[in-house]
All heavy atoms as atom14 arrays in JSON, in Angstrom:
{
  "sequence": "YATVICDPRELELRKGRLFVGDFRIDVVYKRVIIHEFLETCATDHPLA",
  "atom14_mask": [
    [1, 1, 1, 1, 1, 1, 1, 1, 1, 1, 1, 1, 0, 0],
    [1, 1, 1, 1, 1, 0, 0, 0, 0, 0, 0, 0, 0, 0],
    [1, 1, 1, 1, 1, 1, 1, 0, 0, 0, 0, 0, 0, 0],
    [1, 1, 1, 1, 1, 1, 1, 0, 0, 0, 0, 0, 0, 0],
    [1, 1, 1, 1, 1, 1, 1, 1, 0, 0, 0, 0, 0, 0],
    [1, 1, 1, 1, 1, 1, 0, 0, 0, 0, 0, 0, 0, 0],
    [1, 1, 1, 1, 1, 1, 1, 1, 0, 0, 0, 0, 0, 0],
    [1, 1, 1, 1, 1, 1, 1, 0, 0, 0, 0, 0, 0, 0],
    [1, 1, 1, 1, 1, 1, 1, 1, 1, 1, 1, 0, 0, 0],
    [1, 1, 1, 1, 1, 1, 1, 1, 1, 0, 0, 0, 0, 0],
    [1, 1, 1, 1, 1, 1, 1, 1, 0, 0, 0, 0, 0, 0],
    [1, 1, 1, 1, 1, 1, 1, 1, 1, 0, 0, 0, 0, 0],
    [1, 1, 1, 1, 1, 1, 1, 1, 0, 0, 0, 0, 0, 0],
    [1, 1, 1, 1, 1, 1, 1, 1, 1, 1, 1, 0, 0, 0],
    [1, 1, 1, 1, 1, 1, 1, 1, 1, 0, 0, 0, 0, 0],
    [1, 1, 1, 1, 0, 0, 0, 0, 0, 0, 0, 0, 0, 0],
    [1, 1, 1, 1, 1, 1, 1, 1, 1, 1, 1, 0, 0, 0],
    [1, 1, 1, 1, 1, 1, 1, 1, 0, 0, 0, 0, 0, 0],
    [1, 1, 1, 1, 1, 1, 1, 1, 1, 1, 1, 0, 0, 0],
    [1, 1, 1, 1, 1, 1, 1, 0, 0, 0, 0, 0, 0, 0],
    [1, 1, 1, 1, 0, 0, 0, 0, 0, 0, 0, 0, 0, 0],
    [1, 1, 1, 1, 1, 1, 1, 1, 0, 0, 0, 0, 0, 0],
    [1, 1, 1, 1, 1, 1, 1, 1, 1, 1, 1, 0, 0, 0],
    [1, 1, 1, 1, 1, 1, 1, 1, 1, 1, 1, 0, 0, 0],
    [1, 1, 1, 1, 1, 1, 1, 1, 0, 0, 0, 0, 0, 0],
    [1, 1, 1, 1, 1, 1, 1, 1, 0, 0, 0, 0, 0, 0],
    [1, 1, 1, 1, 1, 1, 1, 0, 0, 0, 0, 0, 0, 0],
    [1, 1, 1, 1, 1, 1, 1, 0, 0, 0, 0, 0, 0, 0],
    [1, 1, 1, 1, 1, 1, 1, 1, 1, 1, 1, 1, 0, 0],
    [1, 1, 1, 1, 1, 1, 1, 1, 1, 0, 0, 0, 0, 0],
    [1, 1, 1, 1, 1, 1, 1, 1, 1, 1, 1, 0, 0, 0],
    [1, 1, 1, 1, 1, 1, 1, 0, 0, 0, 0, 0, 0, 0],
    [1, 1, 1, 1, 1, 1, 1, 1, 0, 0, 0, 0, 0, 0],
    [1, 1, 1, 1, 1, 1, 1, 1, 0, 0, 0, 0, 0, 0],
    [1, 1, 1, 1, 1, 1, 1, 1, 1, 1, 0, 0, 0, 0],
    [1, 1, 1, 1, 1, 1, 1, 1, 1, 0, 0, 0, 0, 0],
    [1, 1, 1, 1, 1, 1, 1, 1, 1, 1, 1, 0, 0, 0],
    [1, 1, 1, 1, 1, 1, 1, 1, 0, 0, 0, 0, 0, 0],
    [1, 1, 1, 1, 1, 1, 1, 1, 1, 0, 0, 0, 0, 0],
    [1, 1, 1, 1, 1, 1, 1, 0, 0, 0, 0, 0, 0, 0],
    [1, 1, 1, 1, 1, 1, 0, 0, 0, 0, 0, 0, 0, 0],
    [1, 1, 1, 1, 1, 0, 0, 0, 0, 0, 0, 0, 0, 0],
    [1, 1, 1, 1, 1, 1, 1, 0, 0, 0, 0, 0, 0, 0],
    [1, 1, 1, 1, 1, 1, 1, 1, 0, 0, 0, 0, 0, 0],
    [1, 1, 1, 1, 1, 1, 1, 1, 1, 1, 0, 0, 0, 0],
    [1, 1, 1, 1, 1, 1, 1, 0, 0, 0, 0, 0, 0, 0],
    [1, 1, 1, 1, 1, 1, 1, 1, 0, 0, 0, 0, 0, 0],
    [1, 1, 1, 1, 1, 0, 0, 0, 0, 0, 0, 0, 0, 0]
  ],
  "atom14_positions": [
    [[116.56, 96.96, 99.73], [116.88, 97.2, 98.32], [117.56, 95.96, 97.75], [118.75, 95.73, 98.0], [117.76, 98.45, 98.18], [117.08, 99.66, 98.77], [117.32, 100.03, 100.11], [116.16, 100.4, 98.04], [116.67, 101.11, 100.67], [115.51, 101.49, 98.6], [115.77, 101.84, 99.91], [115.11, 102.92, 100.47], [0.0, 0.0, 0.0], [0.0, 0.0, 0.0]],
    [[116.79, 95.16, 97.03], [117.31, 93.92, 96.47], [118.54, 94.22, 95.62], [118.53, 95.14, 94.79], [116.23, 93.24, 95.62], [0.0, 0.0, 0.0], [0.0, 0.0, 0.0], [0.0, 0.0, 0.0], [0.0, 0.0, 0.0], [0.0, 0.0, 0.0], [0.0, 0.0, 0.0], [0.0, 0.0, 0.0], [0.0, 0.0, 0.0], [0.0, 0.0, 0.0]],
    [[119.6, 93.45, 95.83], [120.89, 93.75, 95.2], [121.53, 92.46, 94.72], [121.49, 91.43, 95.41], [121.83, 94.45, 96.2], [121.21, 95.65, 96.67], [123.16, 94.8, 95.55], [0.0, 0.0, 0.0], [0.0, 0.0, 0.0], [0.0, 0.0, 0.0], [0.0, 0.0, 0.0], [0.0, 0.0, 0.0], [0.0, 0.0, 0.0], [0.0, 0.0, 0.0]],
    [[122.15, 92.53, 93.53], [122.93, 91.41, 93.0], [124.32, 91.91, 92.64], [124.54, 93.1, 92.44], [122.27, 90.78, 91.76], [120.91, 90.19, 92.09], [122.16, 91.79, 90.62], [0.0, 0.0, 0.0], [0.0, 0.0, 0.0], [0.0, 0.0, 0.0], [0.0, 0.0, 0.0], [0.0, 0.0, 0.0], [0.0, 0.0, 0.0], [0.0, 0.0, 0.0]],
    [[125.24, 90.97, 92.56], [126.6, 91.23, 92.07], [126.72, 90.54, 90.72], [126.35, 89.36, 90.59], [127.64, 90.67, 93.05], [127.47, 91.28, 94.43], [129.07, 90.9, 92.53], [128.2, 90.54, 95.54], [0.0, 0.0, 0.0], [0.0, 0.0, 0.0], [0.0, 0.0, 0.0], [0.0, 0.0, 0.0], [0.0, 0.0, 0.0], [0.0, 0.0, 0.0]],
    [[127.2, 91.26, 89.72], [127.28, 90.63, 88.4], [128.44, 91.19, 87.6], [128.95, 92.28, 87.87], [125.97, 90.78, 87.62], [125.5, 92.48, 87.28], [0.0, 0.0, 0.0], [0.0, 0.0, 0.0], [0.0, 0.0, 0.0], [0.0, 0.0, 0.0], [0.0, 0.0, 0.0], [0.0, 0.0, 0.0], [0.0, 0.0, 0.0], [0.0, 0.0, 0.0]],
    [[128.82, 90.42, 86.6], [129.85, 90.79, 85.64], [129.19, 91.57, 84.51], [128.07, 91.26, 84.1], [130.49, 89.48, 85.1], [131.7, 89.73, 84.24], [131.52, 90.27, 83.11], [132.81, 89.38, 84.65], [0.0, 0.0, 0.0], [0.0, 0.0, 0.0], [0.0, 0.0, 0.0], [0.0, 0.0, 0.0], [0.0, 0.0, 0.0], [0.0, 0.0, 0.0]],
    [[129.85, 92.6, 83.97], [129.24, 93.34, 82.85], [128.81, 92.44, 81.7], [127.83, 92.74, 81.0], [130.36, 94.3, 82.42], [131.24, 94.43, 83.6], [131.18, 93.14, 84.33], [0.0, 0.0, 0.0], [0.0, 0.0, 0.0], [0.0, 0.0, 0.0], [0.0, 0.0, 0.0], [0.0, 0.0, 0.0], [0.0, 0.0, 0.0], [0.0, 0.0, 0.0]],
    [[129.54, 91.35, 81.5], [129.23, 90.46, 80.38], [127.96, 89.65, 80.59], [127.47, 88.99, 79.67], [130.43, 89.54, 80.12], [131.65, 90.3, 79.59], [132.94, 89.53, 79.71], [133.36, 89.36, 81.1], [134.61, 89.09, 81.46], [135.56, 88.99, 80.55], [134.93, 88.93, 82.74], [0.0, 0.0, 0.0], [0.0, 0.0, 0.0], [0.0, 0.0, 0.0]],
    [[127.38, 89.73, 81.8], [126.12, 89.04, 82.08], [124.91, 89.93, 81.83], [123.77, 89.45, 81.91], [126.1, 88.58, 83.54], [127.18, 87.57, 83.9], [127.18, 87.23, 85.38], [127.28, 88.17, 86.2], [127.07, 86.04, 85.69], [0.0, 0.0, 0.0], [0.0, 0.0, 0.0], [0.0, 0.0, 0.0], [0.0, 0.0, 0.0], [0.0, 0.0, 0.0]],
    [[125.11, 91.19, 81.54], [124.01, 92.14, 81.41], [123.32, 92.02, 80.05], [123.97, 91.81, 79.03], [124.52, 93.57, 81.61], [125.14, 93.87, 82.98], [125.75, 95.25, 83.0], [124.11, 93.72, 84.09], [0.0, 0.0, 0.0], [0.0, 0.0, 0.0], [0.0, 0.0, 0.0], [0.0, 0.0, 0.0], [0.0, 0.0, 0.0], [0.0, 0.0, 0.0]],
    [[122.01, 92.21, 80.07], [121.21, 92.18, 78.84], [120.22, 93.34, 78.85], [119.7, 93.72, 79.9], [120.42, 90.87, 78.74], [121.27, 89.61, 78.65], [120.39, 88.37, 78.59], [119.89, 87.95, 79.65], [120.19, 87.86, 77.47], [0.0, 0.0, 0.0], [0.0, 0.0, 0.0], [0.0, 0.0, 0.0], [0.0, 0.0, 0.0], [0.0, 0.0, 0.0]],
    [[119.93, 93.86, 77.67], [118.93, 94.91, 77.51], [117.7, 94.27, 76.89], [117.73, 93.82, 75.74], [119.49, 96.02, 76.62], [118.74, 97.36, 76.57], [118.57, 97.95, 77.96], [119.47, 98.33, 75.66], [0.0, 0.0, 0.0], [0.0, 0.0, 0.0], [0.0, 0.0, 0.0], [0.0, 0.0, 0.0], [0.0, 0.0, 0.0], [0.0, 0.0, 0.0]],
    [[116.6, 94.19, 77.69], [115.37, 93.55, 77.22], [114.18, 94.44, 77.55], [114.06, 94.93, 78.67], [115.16, 92.18, 77.89], [116.27, 91.18, 77.66], [115.81, 89.75, 77.98], [115.25, 89.58, 79.31], [115.94, 89.15, 80.36], [117.23, 88.86, 80.23], [115.36, 89.02, 81.54], [0.0, 0.0, 0.0], [0.0, 0.0, 0.0], [0.0, 0.0, 0.0]],
    [[113.33, 94.63, 76.55], [112.1, 95.4, 76.73], [112.41, 96.78, 77.33], [111.67, 97.29, 78.18], [111.12, 94.65, 77.62], [110.67, 93.3, 77.04], [109.72, 92.59, 77.97], [109.33, 91.23, 77.4], [108.42, 90.47, 78.33], [0.0, 0.0, 0.0], [0.0, 0.0, 0.0], [0.0, 0.0, 0.0], [0.0, 0.0, 0.0], [0.0, 0.0, 0.0]],
    [[113.51, 97.35, 76.88], [113.88, 98.69, 77.32], [114.42, 98.78, 78.73], [114.6, 99.88, 79.25], [0.0, 0.0, 0.0], [0.0, 0.0, 0.0], [0.0, 0.0, 0.0], [0.0, 0.0, 0.0], [0.0, 0.0, 0.0], [0.0, 0.0, 0.0], [0.0, 0.0, 0.0], [0.0, 0.0, 0.0], [0.0, 0.0, 0.0], [0.0, 0.0, 0.0]],
    [[114.73, 97.64, 79.37], [115.3, 97.66, 80.71], [116.54, 96.79, 80.75], [116.71, 95.88, 79.94], [114.28, 97.13, 81.75], [112.97, 97.9, 81.81], [113.17, 99.35, 82.2], [113.65, 99.5, 83.56], [112.86, 99.59, 84.63], [111.54, 99.53, 84.51], [113.37, 99.76, 85.85], [0.0, 0.0, 0.0], [0.0, 0.0, 0.0], [0.0, 0.0, 0.0]],
    [[117.41, 97.06, 81.72], [118.65, 96.3, 81.88], [118.4, 95.16, 82.85], [117.81, 95.35, 83.93], [119.76, 97.21, 82.39], [121.2, 96.68, 82.31], [121.62, 96.49, 80.87], [122.17, 97.62, 83.04], [0.0, 0.0, 0.0], [0.0, 0.0, 0.0], [0.0, 0.0, 0.0], [0.0, 0.0, 0.0], [0.0, 0.0, 0.0], [0.0, 0.0, 0.0]],
    [[118.84, 93.97, 82.48], [118.63, 92.77, 83.31], [119.94, 92.01, 83.47], [120.82, 92.05, 82.61], [117.62, 91.82, 82.65], [116.19, 92.24, 82.75], [115.64, 93.16, 81.85], [115.38, 91.73, 83.75], [114.32, 93.54, 81.95], [114.03, 92.1, 83.84], [113.5, 93.01, 82.94], [0.0, 0.0, 0.0], [0.0, 0.0, 0.0], [0.0, 0.0, 0.0]],
    [[120.01, 91.26, 84.58], [120.95, 90.16, 84.71], [120.09, 88.95, 85.07], [119.45, 88.92, 86.12], [122.05, 90.43, 85.77], [121.48, 90.83, 87.12], [122.96, 89.22, 85.9], [0.0, 0.0, 0.0], [0.0, 0.0, 0.0], [0.0, 0.0, 0.0], [0.0, 0.0, 0.0], [0.0, 0.0, 0.0], [0.0, 0.0, 0.0], [0.0, 0.0, 0.0]],
    [[120.02, 88.01, 84.16], [119.06, 86.91, 84.33], [117.66, 87.47, 84.37], [117.26, 88.26, 83.5], [0.0, 0.0, 0.0], [0.0, 0.0, 0.0], [0.0, 0.0, 0.0], [0.0, 0.0, 0.0], [0.0, 0.0, 0.0], [0.0, 0.0, 0.0], [0.0, 0.0, 0.0], [0.0, 0.0, 0.0], [0.0, 0.0, 0.0], [0.0, 0.0, 0.0]],
    [[116.89, 87.12, 85.41], [115.53, 87.63, 85.58], [115.46, 88.85, 86.49], [114.38, 89.32, 86.83], [114.63, 86.52, 86.15], [114.46, 85.36, 85.19], [114.48, 85.61, 83.96], [114.32, 84.21, 85.66], [0.0, 0.0, 0.0], [0.0, 0.0, 0.0], [0.0, 0.0, 0.0], [0.0, 0.0, 0.0], [0.0, 0.0, 0.0], [0.0, 0.0, 0.0]],
    [[116.62, 89.35, 86.91], [116.68, 90.45, 87.86], [116.7, 91.78, 87.1], [117.65, 92.08, 86.37], [117.92, 90.32, 88.74], [118.03, 91.32, 89.86], [117.47, 91.06, 91.1], [118.71, 92.52, 89.67], [117.58, 91.98, 92.14], [118.82, 93.44, 90.69], [118.25, 93.18, 91.93], [0.0, 0.0, 0.0], [0.0, 0.0, 0.0], [0.0, 0.0, 0.0]],
    [[115.65, 92.59, 87.29], [115.59, 93.92, 86.67], [116.49, 94.89, 87.46], [116.46, 94.93, 88.68], [114.16, 94.45, 86.72], [113.96, 95.8, 86.02], [112.68, 96.49, 86.47], [112.83, 97.08, 87.79], [112.13, 96.71, 88.85], [111.24, 95.73, 88.77], [112.33, 97.3, 90.04], [0.0, 0.0, 0.0], [0.0, 0.0, 0.0], [0.0, 0.0, 0.0]],
    [[117.28, 95.66, 86.74], [118.23, 96.58, 87.38], [117.74, 98.01, 87.22], [117.51, 98.49, 86.11], [119.63, 96.44, 86.76], [120.14, 95.0, 86.9], [120.6, 97.42, 87.41], [121.41, 94.72, 86.12], [0.0, 0.0, 0.0], [0.0, 0.0, 0.0], [0.0, 0.0, 0.0], [0.0, 0.0, 0.0], [0.0, 0.0, 0.0], [0.0, 0.0, 0.0]],
    [[117.58, 98.7, 88.35], [117.22, 100.12, 88.34], [118.45, 101.01, 88.54], [118.55, 102.09, 87.95], [116.2, 100.41, 89.44], [114.95, 99.56, 89.3], [114.36, 99.55, 88.2], [114.58, 98.89, 90.29], [0.0, 0.0, 0.0], [0.0, 0.0, 0.0], [0.0, 0.0, 0.0], [0.0, 0.0, 0.0], [0.0, 0.0, 0.0], [0.0, 0.0, 0.0]],
    [[119.36, 100.55, 89.41], [120.58, 101.31, 89.71], [121.79, 100.4, 89.51], [121.84, 99.3, 90.06], [120.57, 101.82, 91.17], [121.88, 102.53, 91.5], [119.38, 102.74, 91.42], [0.0, 0.0, 0.0], [0.0, 0.0, 0.0], [0.0, 0.0, 0.0], [0.0, 0.0, 0.0], [0.0, 0.0, 0.0], [0.0, 0.0, 0.0], [0.0, 0.0, 0.0]],
    [[122.73, 100.87, 88.72], [124.02, 100.19, 88.59], [125.01, 100.91, 89.49], [125.29, 102.1, 89.29], [124.53, 100.19, 87.14], [126.0, 99.78, 87.08], [123.69, 99.28, 86.27], [0.0, 0.0, 0.0], [0.0, 0.0, 0.0], [0.0, 0.0, 0.0], [0.0, 0.0, 0.0], [0.0, 0.0, 0.0], [0.0, 0.0, 0.0], [0.0, 0.0, 0.0]],
    [[125.5, 100.2, 90.51], [126.62, 100.71, 91.3], [127.87, 100.2, 90.61], [128.29, 99.06, 90.78], [126.51, 100.23, 92.74], [127.69, 100.61, 93.63], [128.28, 101.86, 93.55], [128.18, 99.71, 94.57], [129.33, 102.21, 94.37], [129.24, 100.04, 95.4], [129.81, 101.29, 95.29], [130.87, 101.63, 96.1], [0.0, 0.0, 0.0], [0.0, 0.0, 0.0]],
    [[128.45, 101.05, 89.77], [129.53, 100.66, 88.87], [130.85, 100.6, 89.61], [131.36, 101.61, 90.08], [129.64, 101.65, 87.71], [130.71, 101.28, 86.68], [131.08, 102.46, 85.81], [131.84, 103.52, 86.57], [133.14, 103.02, 87.13], [0.0, 0.0, 0.0], [0.0, 0.0, 0.0], [0.0, 0.0, 0.0], [0.0, 0.0, 0.0], [0.0, 0.0, 0.0]],
    [[131.39, 99.39, 89.7], [132.72, 99.24, 90.27], [133.75, 98.87, 89.2], [134.95, 98.93, 89.45], [132.69, 98.2, 91.39], [131.9, 98.64, 92.61], [132.52, 99.82, 93.3], [133.81, 99.48, 93.84], [134.03, 99.05, 95.09], [133.01, 98.94, 95.93], [135.23, 98.73, 95.5], [0.0, 0.0, 0.0], [0.0, 0.0, 0.0], [0.0, 0.0, 0.0]],
    [[133.29, 98.48, 88.03], [134.21, 98.17, 86.95], [134.9, 99.46, 86.49], [134.29, 100.53, 86.42], [133.48, 97.48, 85.78], [132.46, 98.41, 85.12], [134.47, 96.96, 84.73], [0.0, 0.0, 0.0], [0.0, 0.0, 0.0], [0.0, 0.0, 0.0], [0.0, 0.0, 0.0], [0.0, 0.0, 0.0], [0.0, 0.0, 0.0], [0.0, 0.0, 0.0]],
    [[136.2, 99.37, 86.2], [136.97, 100.52, 85.75], [136.56, 100.86, 84.32], [136.48, 99.99, 83.44], [138.48, 100.23, 85.81], [138.88, 99.87, 87.25], [139.29, 101.4, 85.29], [138.7, 100.97, 88.25], [0.0, 0.0, 0.0], [0.0, 0.0, 0.0], [0.0, 0.0, 0.0], [0.0, 0.0, 0.0], [0.0, 0.0, 0.0], [0.0, 0.0, 0.0]],
    [[136.31, 102.14, 84.05], [135.73, 102.54, 82.77], [136.62, 102.17, 81.6], [136.14, 101.63, 80.59], [135.43, 104.06, 82.77], [134.23, 104.34, 83.69], [135.14, 104.58, 81.36], [133.95, 105.81, 83.94], [0.0, 0.0, 0.0], [0.0, 0.0, 0.0], [0.0, 0.0, 0.0], [0.0, 0.0, 0.0], [0.0, 0.0, 0.0], [0.0, 0.0, 0.0]],
    [[137.92, 102.44, 81.68], [138.75, 102.14, 80.5], [138.85, 100.65, 80.26], [138.92, 100.21, 79.12], [140.13, 102.81, 80.6], [141.04, 102.25, 81.64], [141.21, 102.83, 82.87], [141.87, 101.16, 81.63], [142.08, 102.13, 83.58], [142.5, 101.11, 82.85], [0.0, 0.0, 0.0], [0.0, 0.0, 0.0], [0.0, 0.0, 0.0], [0.0, 0.0, 0.0]],
    [[138.8, 99.84, 81.32], [138.79, 98.39, 81.14], [137.46, 97.93, 80.52], [137.44, 97.05, 79.66], [139.02, 97.69, 82.47], [140.41, 97.92, 83.05], [140.63, 97.23, 84.37], [139.65, 96.67, 84.93], [141.76, 97.24, 84.87], [0.0, 0.0, 0.0], [0.0, 0.0, 0.0], [0.0, 0.0, 0.0], [0.0, 0.0, 0.0], [0.0, 0.0, 0.0]],
    [[136.38, 98.55, 80.97], [135.07, 98.21, 80.4], [135.02, 98.54, 78.91], [134.58, 97.73, 78.09], [133.97, 98.97, 81.15], [132.62, 98.86, 80.51], [131.84, 97.73, 80.67], [132.12, 99.9, 79.72], [130.59, 97.63, 80.08], [130.88, 99.82, 79.13], [130.11, 98.67, 79.3], [0.0, 0.0, 0.0], [0.0, 0.0, 0.0], [0.0, 0.0, 0.0]],
    [[135.48, 99.73, 78.54], [135.41, 100.14, 77.13], [136.36, 99.32, 76.25], [136.05, 99.05, 75.09], [135.72, 101.64, 77.01], [134.66, 102.57, 77.62], [135.12, 104.02, 77.54], [133.31, 102.4, 76.95], [0.0, 0.0, 0.0], [0.0, 0.0, 0.0], [0.0, 0.0, 0.0], [0.0, 0.0, 0.0], [0.0, 0.0, 0.0], [0.0, 0.0, 0.0]],
    [[137.5, 98.94, 76.81], [138.42, 98.1, 76.04], [137.84, 96.72, 75.77], [138.07, 96.12, 74.72], [139.75, 97.96, 76.79], [140.59, 99.22, 76.8], [141.72, 99.16, 77.82], [141.86, 98.1, 78.5], [142.45, 100.15, 77.97], [0.0, 0.0, 0.0], [0.0, 0.0, 0.0], [0.0, 0.0, 0.0], [0.0, 0.0, 0.0], [0.0, 0.0, 0.0]],
    [[137.06, 96.21, 76.72], [136.52, 94.85, 76.61], [135.14, 94.82, 75.96], [134.83, 93.93, 75.17], [136.42, 94.2, 78.01], [137.73, 94.19, 78.59], [135.89, 92.78, 77.93], [0.0, 0.0, 0.0], [0.0, 0.0, 0.0], [0.0, 0.0, 0.0], [0.0, 0.0, 0.0], [0.0, 0.0, 0.0], [0.0, 0.0, 0.0], [0.0, 0.0, 0.0]],
    [[134.31, 95.83, 76.27], [132.9, 95.77, 75.89], [132.48, 96.83, 74.88], [131.43, 96.69, 74.26], [132.03, 95.9, 77.14], [132.32, 94.62, 78.38], [0.0, 0.0, 0.0], [0.0, 0.0, 0.0], [0.0, 0.0, 0.0], [0.0, 0.0, 0.0], [0.0, 0.0, 0.0], [0.0, 0.0, 0.0], [0.0, 0.0, 0.0], [0.0, 0.0, 0.0]],
    [[133.2, 97.93, 74.76], [132.92, 98.99, 73.78], [131.64, 99.75, 74.11], [130.93, 99.45, 75.07], [132.89, 98.44, 72.37], [0.0, 0.0, 0.0], [0.0, 0.0, 0.0], [0.0, 0.0, 0.0], [0.0, 0.0, 0.0], [0.0, 0.0, 0.0], [0.0, 0.0, 0.0], [0.0, 0.0, 0.0], [0.0, 0.0, 0.0], [0.0, 0.0, 0.0]],
    [[131.34, 100.75, 73.28], [130.24, 101.68, 73.56], [128.87, 101.17, 73.12], [127.87, 101.85, 73.35], [130.51, 103.04, 72.89], [130.68, 102.84, 71.48], [131.76, 103.69, 73.45], [0.0, 0.0, 0.0], [0.0, 0.0, 0.0], [0.0, 0.0, 0.0], [0.0, 0.0, 0.0], [0.0, 0.0, 0.0], [0.0, 0.0, 0.0], [0.0, 0.0, 0.0]],
    [[128.82, 99.99, 72.47], [127.52, 99.43, 72.09], [127.09, 98.3, 73.03], [126.12, 97.59, 72.77], [127.54, 98.93, 70.65], [128.56, 97.81, 70.41], [129.38, 97.56, 71.33], [128.55, 97.2, 69.33], [0.0, 0.0, 0.0], [0.0, 0.0, 0.0], [0.0, 0.0, 0.0], [0.0, 0.0, 0.0], [0.0, 0.0, 0.0], [0.0, 0.0, 0.0]],
    [[127.79, 98.15, 74.13], [127.44, 97.14, 75.13], [126.08, 97.49, 75.75], [125.71, 98.66, 75.84], [128.52, 97.11, 76.21], [128.34, 96.07, 77.25], [127.58, 96.3, 78.39], [128.78, 94.81, 77.35], [127.59, 95.22, 79.15], [128.31, 94.3, 78.54], [0.0, 0.0, 0.0], [0.0, 0.0, 0.0], [0.0, 0.0, 0.0], [0.0, 0.0, 0.0]],
    [[125.3, 96.48, 76.2], [124.0, 96.77, 76.82], [124.05, 97.8, 77.94], [123.15, 98.64, 78.05], [123.54, 95.4, 77.33], [124.17, 94.43, 76.39], [125.51, 95.02, 76.04], [0.0, 0.0, 0.0], [0.0, 0.0, 0.0], [0.0, 0.0, 0.0], [0.0, 0.0, 0.0], [0.0, 0.0, 0.0], [0.0, 0.0, 0.0], [0.0, 0.0, 0.0]],
    [[125.09, 97.77, 78.78], [125.2, 98.76, 79.85], [125.37, 100.16, 79.28], [124.72, 101.11, 79.72], [126.36, 98.42, 80.79], [126.65, 99.45, 81.89], [125.43, 99.68, 82.77], [127.85, 99.02, 82.73], [0.0, 0.0, 0.0], [0.0, 0.0, 0.0], [0.0, 0.0, 0.0], [0.0, 0.0, 0.0], [0.0, 0.0, 0.0], [0.0, 0.0, 0.0]],
    [[126.25, 100.3, 78.3], [126.49, 101.61, 77.69], [125.23, 102.13, 77.0], [124.89, 103.31, 77.09], [127.64, 101.52, 76.7], [0.0, 0.0, 0.0], [0.0, 0.0, 0.0], [0.0, 0.0, 0.0], [0.0, 0.0, 0.0], [0.0, 0.0, 0.0], [0.0, 0.0, 0.0], [0.0, 0.0, 0.0], [0.0, 0.0, 0.0], [0.0, 0.0, 0.0]]
  ]
}
């Protein structure tokens, strides 16, 4: 299972899929703390 480590700020929503660079993401194993994510990135972030 191809896996990358990335920062939420590196994520992009393209063609209806979530990417980091050229890597298509099917599963996000979320380790970022939710309240920190929402304080920094808000609910309109590509991940959200």
